[in-house]
Amino acid sequence: MDDSAFDAEMRTAQQLSVLSVTYPGWDIGIAHDESGLLWWATLRRPVTERMRASGVAEWVRQPDAIALAATLAWQTSLVHNARASEFWVPR
């Protein structure tokens, strides 16, 4: 393995580690498809109908770590907003 391949592999492992620590509510991994690497994440909790209606996805996939990070940030926001609305009681 040459240095550039080793560096790319180490960067991928580091990105995966950072995403996993940053988003502990998601199982995160990497798969290979015909276009190369495919980054994916699956929510570790059940998705309620209210969460689904708010746009929460049970799983997401993106072509790279940066796109997955952006998607997970958005999805995490949706999860928190949907969960908060489940406990909100109008007066």
PDB file of N, CA and C in Angstrom:
ATOM      1  N   MET A   1       0.859  -1.180   0.000  1.00  0.00           N
ATOM      2  CA  MET A   1       0.000   0.000   0.000  1.00  0.00           C
ATOM      3  C   MET A   1       0.897   1.233   0.000  1.00  0.00           C
ATOM      4  N   ASP A   2       0.654   2.134  -0.942  1.00  0.00           N
ATOM      5  CA  ASP A   2       1.479   3.340  -0.983  1.00  0.00           C
ATOM      6  C   ASP A   2       0.986   4.349   0.055  1.00  0.00           C
ATOM      7  N   ASP A   3       1.778   5.395   0.233  1.00  0.00           N
ATOM      8  CA  ASP A   3       1.464   6.382   1.270  1.00  0.00           C
ATOM      9  C   ASP A   3       0.128   7.083   1.050  1.00  0.00           C
ATOM     10  N   SER A   4      -0.207   7.392  -0.198  1.00  0.00           N
ATOM     11  CA  SER A   4      -1.465   8.106  -0.446  1.00  0.00           C
ATOM     12  C   SER A   4      -2.673   7.220  -0.134  1.00  0.00           C
ATOM     13  N   ALA A   5      -2.592   5.929  -0.458  1.00  0.00           N
ATOM     14  CA  ALA A   5      -3.691   5.011  -0.130  1.00  0.00           C
ATOM     15  C   ALA A   5      -3.809   4.842   1.375  1.00  0.00           C
ATOM     16  N   PHE A   6      -2.668   4.757   2.059  1.00  0.00           N
ATOM     17  CA  PHE A   6      -2.669   4.637   3.511  1.00  0.00           C
ATOM     18  C   PHE A   6      -3.274   5.885   4.143  1.00  0.00           C
ATOM     19  N   ASP A   7      -2.872   7.072   3.637  1.00  0.00           N
ATOM     20  CA  ASP A   7      -3.409   8.333   4.161  1.00  0.00           C
ATOM     21  C   ASP A   7      -4.926   8.412   3.955  1.00  0.00           C
ATOM     22  N   ALA A   8      -5.405   7.991   2.795  1.00  0.00           N
ATOM     23  CA  ALA A   8      -6.844   8.014   2.522  1.00  0.00           C
ATOM     24  C   ALA A   8      -7.585   7.062   3.450  1.00  0.00           C
ATOM     25  N   GLU A   9      -7.018   5.894   3.677  1.00  0.00           N
ATOM     26  CA  GLU A   9      -7.643   4.921   4.574  1.00  0.00           C
ATOM     27  C   GLU A   9      -7.677   5.439   6.009  1.00  0.00           C
ATOM     28  N   MET A  10      -6.605   6.068   6.446  1.00  0.00           N
ATOM     29  CA  MET A  10      -6.561   6.634   7.803  1.00  0.00           C
ATOM     30  C   MET A  10      -7.558   7.788   7.947  1.00  0.00           C
ATOM     31  N   ARG A  11      -7.658   8.630   6.910  1.00  0.00           N
ATOM     32  CA  ARG A  11      -8.604   9.747   6.951  1.00  0.00           C
ATOM     33  C   ARG A  11     -10.043   9.219   7.031  1.00  0.00           C
ATOM     34  N   THR A  12     -10.334   8.192   6.265  1.00  0.00           N
ATOM     35  CA  THR A  12     -11.675   7.593   6.292  1.00  0.00           C
ATOM     36  C   THR A  12     -11.984   7.033   7.676  1.00  0.00           C
ATOM     37  N   ALA A  13     -11.018   6.332   8.273  1.00  0.00           N
ATOM     38  CA  ALA A  13     -11.216   5.774   9.616  1.00  0.00           C
ATOM     39  C   ALA A  13     -11.417   6.884  10.641  1.00  0.00           C
ATOM     40  N   GLN A  14     -10.664   7.953  10.500  1.00  0.00           N
ATOM     41  CA  GLN A  14     -10.802   9.079  11.437  1.00  0.00           C
ATOM     42  C   GLN A  14     -12.159   9.753  11.269  1.00  0.00           C
ATOM     43  N   GLN A  15     -12.598   9.957  10.043  1.00  0.00           N
ATOM     44  CA  GLN A  15     -13.901  10.568   9.801  1.00  0.00           C
ATOM     45  C   GLN A  15     -15.019   9.701  10.376  1.00  0.00           C
ATOM     46  N   LEU A  16     -14.917   8.399  10.187  1.00  0.00           N
ATOM     47  CA  LEU A  16     -15.920   7.482  10.731  1.00  0.00           C
ATOM     48  C   LEU A  16     -15.955   7.565  12.248  1.00  0.00           C
ATOM     49  N   SER A  17     -14.796   7.619  12.871  1.00  0.00           N
ATOM     50  CA  SER A  17     -14.712   7.725  14.328  1.00  0.00           C
ATOM     51  C   SER A  17     -15.339   9.031  14.823  1.00  0.00           C
ATOM     52  N   VAL A  18     -15.016  10.137  14.177  1.00  0.00           N
ATOM     53  CA  VAL A  18     -15.554  11.439  14.584  1.00  0.00           C
ATOM     54  C   VAL A  18     -17.071  11.461  14.444  1.00  0.00           C
ATOM     55  N   LEU A  19     -17.586  10.945  13.336  1.00  0.00           N
ATOM     56  CA  LEU A  19     -19.036  10.913  13.147  1.00  0.00           C
ATOM     57  C   LEU A  19     -19.709  10.043  14.204  1.00  0.00           C
ATOM     58  N   SER A  20     -19.119   8.910  14.518  1.00  0.00           N
ATOM     59  CA  SER A  20     -19.706   7.999  15.513  1.00  0.00           C
ATOM     60  C   SER A  20     -19.745   8.625  16.897  1.00  0.00           C
ATOM     61  N   VAL A  21     -18.720   9.375  17.245  1.00  0.00           N
ATOM     62  CA  VAL A  21     -18.680  10.034  18.551  1.00  0.00           C
ATOM     63  C   VAL A  21     -19.624  11.243  18.575  1.00  0.00           C
ATOM     64  N   THR A  22     -19.691  11.963  17.479  1.00  0.00           N
ATOM     65  CA  THR A  22     -20.524  13.166  17.402  1.00  0.00           C
ATOM     66  C   THR A  22     -22.014  12.829  17.383  1.00  0.00           C
ATOM     67  N   TYR A  23     -22.359  11.706  16.760  1.00  0.00           N
ATOM     68  CA  TYR A  23     -23.770  11.311  16.622  1.00  0.00           C
ATOM     69  C   TYR A  23     -23.986   9.926  17.222  1.00  0.00           C
ATOM     70  N   PRO A  24     -23.970   9.824  18.560  1.00  0.00           N
ATOM     71  CA  PRO A  24     -24.085   8.509  19.207  1.00  0.00           C
ATOM     72  C   PRO A  24     -25.461   7.860  19.051  1.00  0.00           C
ATOM     73  N   GLY A  25     -26.452   8.600  18.642  1.00  0.00           N
ATOM     74  CA  GLY A  25     -27.784   8.048  18.442  1.00  0.00           C
ATOM     75  C   GLY A  25     -27.951   7.342  17.104  1.00  0.00           C
ATOM     76  N   TRP A  26     -26.877   7.285  16.336  1.00  0.00           N
ATOM     77  CA  TRP A  26     -26.906   6.681  15.008  1.00  0.00           C
ATOM     78  C   TRP A  26     -25.836   5.612  14.893  1.00  0.00           C
ATOM     79  N   ASP A  27     -26.176   4.500  14.252  1.00  0.00           N
ATOM     80  CA  ASP A  27     -25.169   3.518  13.832  1.00  0.00           C
ATOM     81  C   ASP A  27     -24.654   4.010  12.494  1.00  0.00           C
ATOM     82  N   ILE A  28     -23.343   4.180  12.376  1.00  0.00           N
ATOM     83  CA  ILE A  28     -22.750   4.784  11.182  1.00  0.00           C
ATOM     84  C   ILE A  28     -21.749   3.815  10.572  1.00  0.00           C
ATOM     85  N   GLY A  29     -21.757   3.730   9.263  1.00  0.00           N
ATOM     86  CA  GLY A  29     -20.825   2.831   8.594  1.00  0.00           C
ATOM     87  C   GLY A  29     -20.528   3.272   7.179  1.00  0.00           C
ATOM     88  N   ILE A  30     -19.701   2.464   6.540  1.00  0.00           N
ATOM     89  CA  ILE A  30     -19.288   2.729   5.165  1.00  0.00           C
ATOM     90  C   ILE A  30     -19.490   1.442   4.376  1.00  0.00           C
ATOM     91  N   ALA A  31     -20.032   1.579   3.196  1.00  0.00           N
ATOM     92  CA  ALA A  31     -20.193   0.444   2.285  1.00  0.00           C
ATOM     93  C   ALA A  31     -19.579   0.834   0.941  1.00  0.00           C
ATOM     94  N   HIS A  32     -19.438  -0.135   0.097  1.00  0.00           N
ATOM     95  CA  HIS A  32     -18.940   0.123  -1.249  1.00  0.00           C
ATOM     96  C   HIS A  32     -20.064  -0.108  -2.246  1.00  0.00           C
ATOM     97  N   ASP A  33     -20.174   0.787  -3.208  1.00  0.00           N
ATOM     98  CA  ASP A  33     -21.099   0.570  -4.309  1.00  0.00           C
ATOM     99  C   ASP A  33     -20.341   0.812  -5.612  1.00  0.00           C
ATOM    100  N   GLU A  34     -21.048   0.822  -6.723  1.00  0.00           N
ATOM    101  CA  GLU A  34     -20.380   0.960  -8.014  1.00  0.00           C
ATOM    102  C   GLU A  34     -19.657   2.291  -8.180  1.00  0.00           C
ATOM    103  N   SER A  35     -20.055   3.306  -7.416  1.00  0.00           N
ATOM    104  CA  SER A  35     -19.400   4.616  -7.525  1.00  0.00           C
ATOM    105  C   SER A  35     -18.278   4.813  -6.500  1.00  0.00           C
ATOM    106  N   GLY A  36     -18.089   3.860  -5.615  1.00  0.00           N
ATOM    107  CA  GLY A  36     -17.038   3.985  -4.602  1.00  0.00           C
ATOM    108  C   GLY A  36     -17.602   3.796  -3.211  1.00  0.00           C
ATOM    109  N   LEU A  37     -17.170   4.650  -2.278  1.00  0.00           N
ATOM    110  CA  LEU A  37     -17.644   4.567  -0.899  1.00  0.00           C
ATOM    111  C   LEU A  37     -19.045   5.156  -0.777  1.00  0.00           C
ATOM    112  N   LEU A  38     -19.813   4.567   0.105  1.00  0.00           N
ATOM    113  CA  LEU A  38     -21.155   5.053   0.419  1.00  0.00           C
ATOM    114  C   LEU A  38     -21.244   5.116   1.944  1.00  0.00           C
ATOM    115  N   TRP A  39     -21.462   6.297   2.466  1.00  0.00           N
ATOM    116  CA  TRP A  39     -21.568   6.499   3.909  1.00  0.00           C
ATOM    117  C   TRP A  39     -23.034   6.389   4.299  1.00  0.00           C
ATOM    118  N   TRP A  40     -23.327   5.660   5.381  1.00  0.00           N
ATOM    119  CA  TRP A  40     -24.715   5.455   5.795  1.00  0.00           C
ATOM    120  C   TRP A  40     -24.843   5.590   7.310  1.00  0.00           C
ATOM    121  N   ALA A  41     -26.061   5.843   7.744  1.00  0.00           N
ATOM    122  CA  ALA A  41     -26.360   5.906   9.178  1.00  0.00           C
ATOM    123  C   ALA A  41     -27.794   5.428   9.389  1.00  0.00           C
ATOM    124  N   THR A  42     -27.989   4.696  10.481  1.00  0.00           N
ATOM    125  CA  THR A  42     -29.306   4.201  10.865  1.00  0.00           C
ATOM    126  C   THR A  42     -29.608   4.700  12.270  1.00  0.00           C
ATOM    127  N   LEU A  43     -30.778   5.286  12.449  1.00  0.00           N
ATOM    128  CA  LEU A  43     -31.178   5.794  13.761  1.00  0.00           C
ATOM    129  C   LEU A  43     -31.343   4.630  14.725  1.00  0.00           C
ATOM    130  N   ARG A  44     -30.805   4.768  15.932  1.00  0.00           N
ATOM    131  CA  ARG A  44     -30.825   3.684  16.919  1.00  0.00           C
ATOM    132  C   ARG A  44     -32.137   3.584  17.687  1.00  0.00           C
ATOM    133  N   ARG A  45     -33.042   4.483  17.465  1.00  0.00           N
ATOM    134  CA  ARG A  45     -34.309   4.462  18.201  1.00  0.00           C
ATOM    135  C   ARG A  45     -35.452   4.316  17.226  1.00  0.00           C
ATOM    136  N   PRO A  46     -36.571   3.830  17.700  1.00  0.00           N
ATOM    137  CA  PRO A  46     -37.734   3.728  16.807  1.00  0.00           C
ATOM    138  C   PRO A  46     -38.211   5.109  16.368  1.00  0.00           C
ATOM    139  N   VAL A  47     -38.697   5.193  15.163  1.00  0.00           N
ATOM    140  CA  VAL A  47     -39.231   6.448  14.630  1.00  0.00           C
ATOM    141  C   VAL A  47     -40.752   6.411  14.772  1.00  0.00           C
ATOM    142  N   THR A  48     -41.289   7.354  15.529  1.00  0.00           N
ATOM    143  CA  THR A  48     -42.737   7.429  15.713  1.00  0.00           C
ATOM    144  C   THR A  48     -43.380   8.067  14.476  1.00  0.00           C
ATOM    145  N   GLU A  49     -44.681   7.961  14.396  1.00  0.00           N
ATOM    146  CA  GLU A  49     -45.390   8.591  13.287  1.00  0.00           C
ATOM    147  C   GLU A  49     -45.197  10.104  13.292  1.00  0.00           C
ATOM    148  N   ARG A  50     -45.188  10.689  14.477  1.00  0.00           N
ATOM    149  CA  ARG A  50     -44.982  12.136  14.583  1.00  0.00           C
ATOM    150  C   ARG A  50     -43.584  12.518  14.101  1.00  0.00           C
ATOM    151  N   MET A  51     -42.588  11.709  14.458  1.00  0.00           N
ATOM    152  CA  MET A  51     -41.227  11.974  13.997  1.00  0.00           C
ATOM    153  C   MET A  51     -41.145  11.848  12.480  1.00  0.00           C
ATOM    154  N   ARG A  52     -41.751  10.801  11.943  1.00  0.00           N
ATOM    155  CA  ARG A  52     -41.743  10.585  10.485  1.00  0.00           C
ATOM    156  C   ARG A  52     -42.420  11.768   9.780  1.00  0.00           C
ATOM    157  N   ALA A  53     -43.535  12.225  10.329  1.00  0.00           N
ATOM    158  CA  ALA A  53     -44.245  13.369   9.743  1.00  0.00           C
ATOM    159  C   ALA A  53     -43.401  14.645   9.807  1.00  0.00           C
ATOM    160  N   SER A  54     -42.493  14.712  10.765  1.00  0.00           N
ATOM    161  CA  SER A  54     -41.607  15.873  10.899  1.00  0.00           C
ATOM    162  C   SER A  54     -40.384  15.783   9.985  1.00  0.00           C
ATOM    163  N   GLY A  55     -40.253  14.660   9.280  1.00  0.00           N
ATOM    164  CA  GLY A  55     -39.138  14.520   8.344  1.00  0.00           C
ATOM    165  C   GLY A  55     -37.995  13.657   8.827  1.00  0.00           C
ATOM    166  N   VAL A  56     -38.151  13.035  10.002  1.00  0.00           N
ATOM    167  CA  VAL A  56     -37.092  12.174  10.532  1.00  0.00           C
ATOM    168  C   VAL A  56     -37.015  10.904   9.692  1.00  0.00           C
ATOM    169  N   ALA A  57     -35.812  10.546   9.296  1.00  0.00           N
ATOM    170  CA  ALA A  57     -35.582   9.338   8.504  1.00  0.00           C
ATOM    171  C   ALA A  57     -34.997   8.245   9.397  1.00  0.00           C
ATOM    172  N   GLU A  58     -35.391   7.001   9.154  1.00  0.00           N
ATOM    173  CA  GLU A  58     -34.827   5.888   9.909  1.00  0.00           C
ATOM    174  C   GLU A  58     -33.390   5.613   9.498  1.00  0.00           C
ATOM    175  N   TRP A  59     -33.061   5.911   8.253  1.00  0.00           N
ATOM    176  CA  TRP A  59     -31.708   5.729   7.760  1.00  0.00           C
ATOM    177  C   TRP A  59     -31.435   6.771   6.682  1.00  0.00           C
ATOM    178  N   VAL A  60     -30.166   7.094   6.540  1.00  0.00           N
ATOM    179  CA  VAL A  60     -29.718   8.043   5.515  1.00  0.00           C
ATOM    180  C   VAL A  60     -28.444   7.512   4.880  1.00  0.00           C
ATOM    181  N   ARG A  61     -28.164   7.945   3.652  1.00  0.00           N
ATOM    182  CA  ARG A  61     -26.900   7.612   3.013  1.00  0.00           C
ATOM    183  C   ARG A  61     -26.426   8.807   2.210  1.00  0.00           C
ATOM    184  N   GLN A  62     -25.119   8.916   2.127  1.00  0.00           N
ATOM    185  CA  GLN A  62     -24.492  10.032   1.410  1.00  0.00           C
ATOM    186  C   GLN A  62     -23.194   9.544   0.764  1.00  0.00           C
ATOM    187  N   PRO A  63     -22.699  10.279  -0.234  1.00  0.00           N
ATOM    188  CA  PRO A  63     -21.497   9.839  -0.930  1.00  0.00           C
ATOM    189  C   PRO A  63     -20.183  10.092  -0.185  1.00  0.00           C
ATOM    190  N   ASP A  64     -20.222  10.937   0.850  1.00  0.00           N
ATOM    191  CA  ASP A  64     -18.975  11.218   1.583  1.00  0.00           C
ATOM    192  C   ASP A  64     -19.282  11.611   3.028  1.00  0.00           C
ATOM    193  N   ALA A  65     -18.232  11.691   3.821  1.00  0.00           N
ATOM    194  CA  ALA A  65     -18.375  11.972   5.252  1.00  0.00           C
ATOM    195  C   ALA A  65     -18.940  13.368   5.516  1.00  0.00           C
ATOM    196  N   ILE A  66     -18.537  14.345   4.726  1.00  0.00           N
ATOM    197  CA  ILE A  66     -19.010  15.719   4.933  1.00  0.00           C
ATOM    198  C   ILE A  66     -20.517  15.807   4.691  1.00  0.00           C
ATOM    199  N   ALA A  67     -20.969  15.196   3.610  1.00  0.00           N
ATOM    200  CA  ALA A  67     -22.405  15.202   3.307  1.00  0.00           C
ATOM    201  C   ALA A  67     -23.181  14.447   4.380  1.00  0.00           C
ATOM    202  N   LEU A  68     -22.626  13.335   4.871  1.00  0.00           N
ATOM    203  CA  LEU A  68     -23.302  12.592   5.932  1.00  0.00           C
ATOM    204  C   LEU A  68     -23.359  13.420   7.210  1.00  0.00           C
ATOM    205  N   ALA A  69     -22.292  14.119   7.537  1.00  0.00           N
ATOM    206  CA  ALA A  69     -22.285  14.966   8.736  1.00  0.00           C
ATOM    207  C   ALA A  69     -23.376  16.031   8.652  1.00  0.00           C
ATOM    208  N   ALA A  70     -23.521  16.660   7.499  1.00  0.00           N
ATOM    209  CA  ALA A  70     -24.556  17.679   7.328  1.00  0.00           C
ATOM    210  C   ALA A  70     -25.947  17.062   7.460  1.00  0.00           C
ATOM    211  N   THR A  71     -26.132  15.904   6.858  1.00  0.00           N
ATOM    212  CA  THR A  71     -27.422  15.222   6.935  1.00  0.00           C
ATOM    213  C   THR A  71     -27.745  14.820   8.366  1.00  0.00           C
ATOM    214  N   LEU A  72     -26.749  14.301   9.081  1.00  0.00           N
ATOM    215  CA  LEU A  72     -26.980  13.890  10.474  1.00  0.00           C
ATOM    216  C   LEU A  72     -27.253  15.081  11.377  1.00  0.00           C
ATOM    217  N   ALA A  73     -26.616  16.200  11.120  1.00  0.00           N
ATOM    218  CA  ALA A  73     -26.901  17.404  11.907  1.00  0.00           C
ATOM    219  C   ALA A  73     -28.365  17.805  11.726  1.00  0.00           C
ATOM    220  N   TRP A  74     -28.822  17.800  10.483  1.00  0.00           N
ATOM    221  CA  TRP A  74     -30.215  18.148  10.195  1.00  0.00           C
ATOM    222  C   TRP A  74     -31.164  17.125  10.804  1.00  0.00           C
ATOM    223  N   GLN A  75     -30.898  15.847  10.609  1.00  0.00           N
ATOM    224  CA  GLN A  75     -31.763  14.798  11.140  1.00  0.00           C
ATOM    225  C   GLN A  75     -31.807  14.835  12.669  1.00  0.00           C
ATOM    226  N   THR A  76     -30.683  15.082  13.306  1.00  0.00           N
ATOM    227  CA  THR A  76     -30.646  15.163  14.764  1.00  0.00           C
ATOM    228  C   THR A  76     -31.505  16.326  15.252  1.00  0.00           C
ATOM    229  N   SER A  77     -31.459  17.429  14.540  1.00  0.00           N
ATOM    230  CA  SER A  77     -32.312  18.568  14.876  1.00  0.00           C
ATOM    231  C   SER A  77     -33.790  18.189  14.755  1.00  0.00           C
ATOM    232  N   LEU A  78     -34.125  17.492  13.678  1.00  0.00           N
ATOM    233  CA  LEU A  78     -35.514  17.054  13.497  1.00  0.00           C
ATOM    234  C   LEU A  78     -35.949  16.097  14.602  1.00  0.00           C
ATOM    235  N   VAL A  79     -35.062  15.179  14.995  1.00  0.00           N
ATOM    236  CA  VAL A  79     -35.380  14.233  16.073  1.00  0.00           C
ATOM    237  C   VAL A  79     -35.664  14.987  17.363  1.00  0.00           C
ATOM    238  N   HIS A  80     -34.791  15.937  17.702  1.00  0.00           N
ATOM    239  CA  HIS A  80     -34.978  16.689  18.947  1.00  0.00           C
ATOM    240  C   HIS A  80     -36.260  17.521  18.912  1.00  0.00           C
ATOM    241  N   ASN A  81     -36.531  18.146  17.781  1.00  0.00           N
ATOM    242  CA  ASN A  81     -37.749  18.952  17.672  1.00  0.00           C
ATOM    243  C   ASN A  81     -39.001  18.077  17.763  1.00  0.00           C
ATOM    244  N   ALA A  82     -38.976  16.933  17.103  1.00  0.00           N
ATOM    245  CA  ALA A  82     -40.129  16.032  17.143  1.00  0.00           C
ATOM    246  C   ALA A  82     -40.332  15.481  18.552  1.00  0.00           C
ATOM    247  N   ARG A  83     -39.247  15.121  19.212  1.00  0.00           N
ATOM    248  CA  ARG A  83     -39.349  14.602  20.573  1.00  0.00           C
ATOM    249  C   ARG A  83     -39.877  15.677  21.514  1.00  0.00           C
ATOM    250  N   ALA A  84     -39.404  16.901  21.361  1.00  0.00           N
ATOM    251  CA  ALA A  84     -39.869  17.985  22.232  1.00  0.00           C
ATOM    252  C   ALA A  84     -41.357  18.232  22.028  1.00  0.00           C
ATOM    253  N   SER A  85     -41.817  18.148  20.793  1.00  0.00           N
ATOM    254  CA  SER A  85     -43.238  18.407  20.530  1.00  0.00           C
ATOM    255  C   SER A  85     -44.123  17.299  21.085  1.00  0.00           C
ATOM    256  N   GLU A  86     -43.575  16.100  21.284  1.00  0.00           N
ATOM    257  CA  GLU A  86     -44.351  15.009  21.879  1.00  0.00           C
ATOM    258  C   GLU A  86     -44.696  15.299  23.339  1.00  0.00           C
ATOM    259  N   PHE A  87     -43.851  16.090  23.998  1.00  0.00           N
ATOM    260  CA  PHE A  87     -44.060  16.382  25.408  1.00  0.00           C
ATOM    261  C   PHE A  87     -44.681  17.751  25.651  1.00  0.00           C
ATOM    262  N   TRP A  88     -44.864  18.523  24.586  1.00  0.00           N
ATOM    263  CA  TRP A  88     -45.429  19.851  24.722  1.00  0.00           C
ATOM    264  C   TRP A  88     -46.939  19.743  24.892  1.00  0.00           C
ATOM    265  N   VAL A  89     -47.451  20.399  25.911  1.00  0.00           N
ATOM    266  CA  VAL A  89     -48.892  20.378  26.183  1.00  0.00           C
ATOM    267  C   VAL A  89     -49.392  21.810  26.101  1.00  0.00           C
ATOM    268  N   PRO A  90     -50.304  22.104  25.162  1.00  0.00           N
ATOM    269  CA  PRO A  90     -50.828  23.473  25.070  1.00  0.00           C
ATOM    270  C   PRO A  90     -51.633  23.831  26.310  1.00  0.00           C
ATOM    271  N   ARG A  91     -51.597  25.080  26.669  1.00  0.00           N
ATOM    272  CA  ARG A  91     -52.343  25.552  27.849  1.00  0.00           C
ATOM    273  C   ARG A  91     -53.661  26.132  27.467  1.00  0.00           C
TER     274      ARG A  91
END
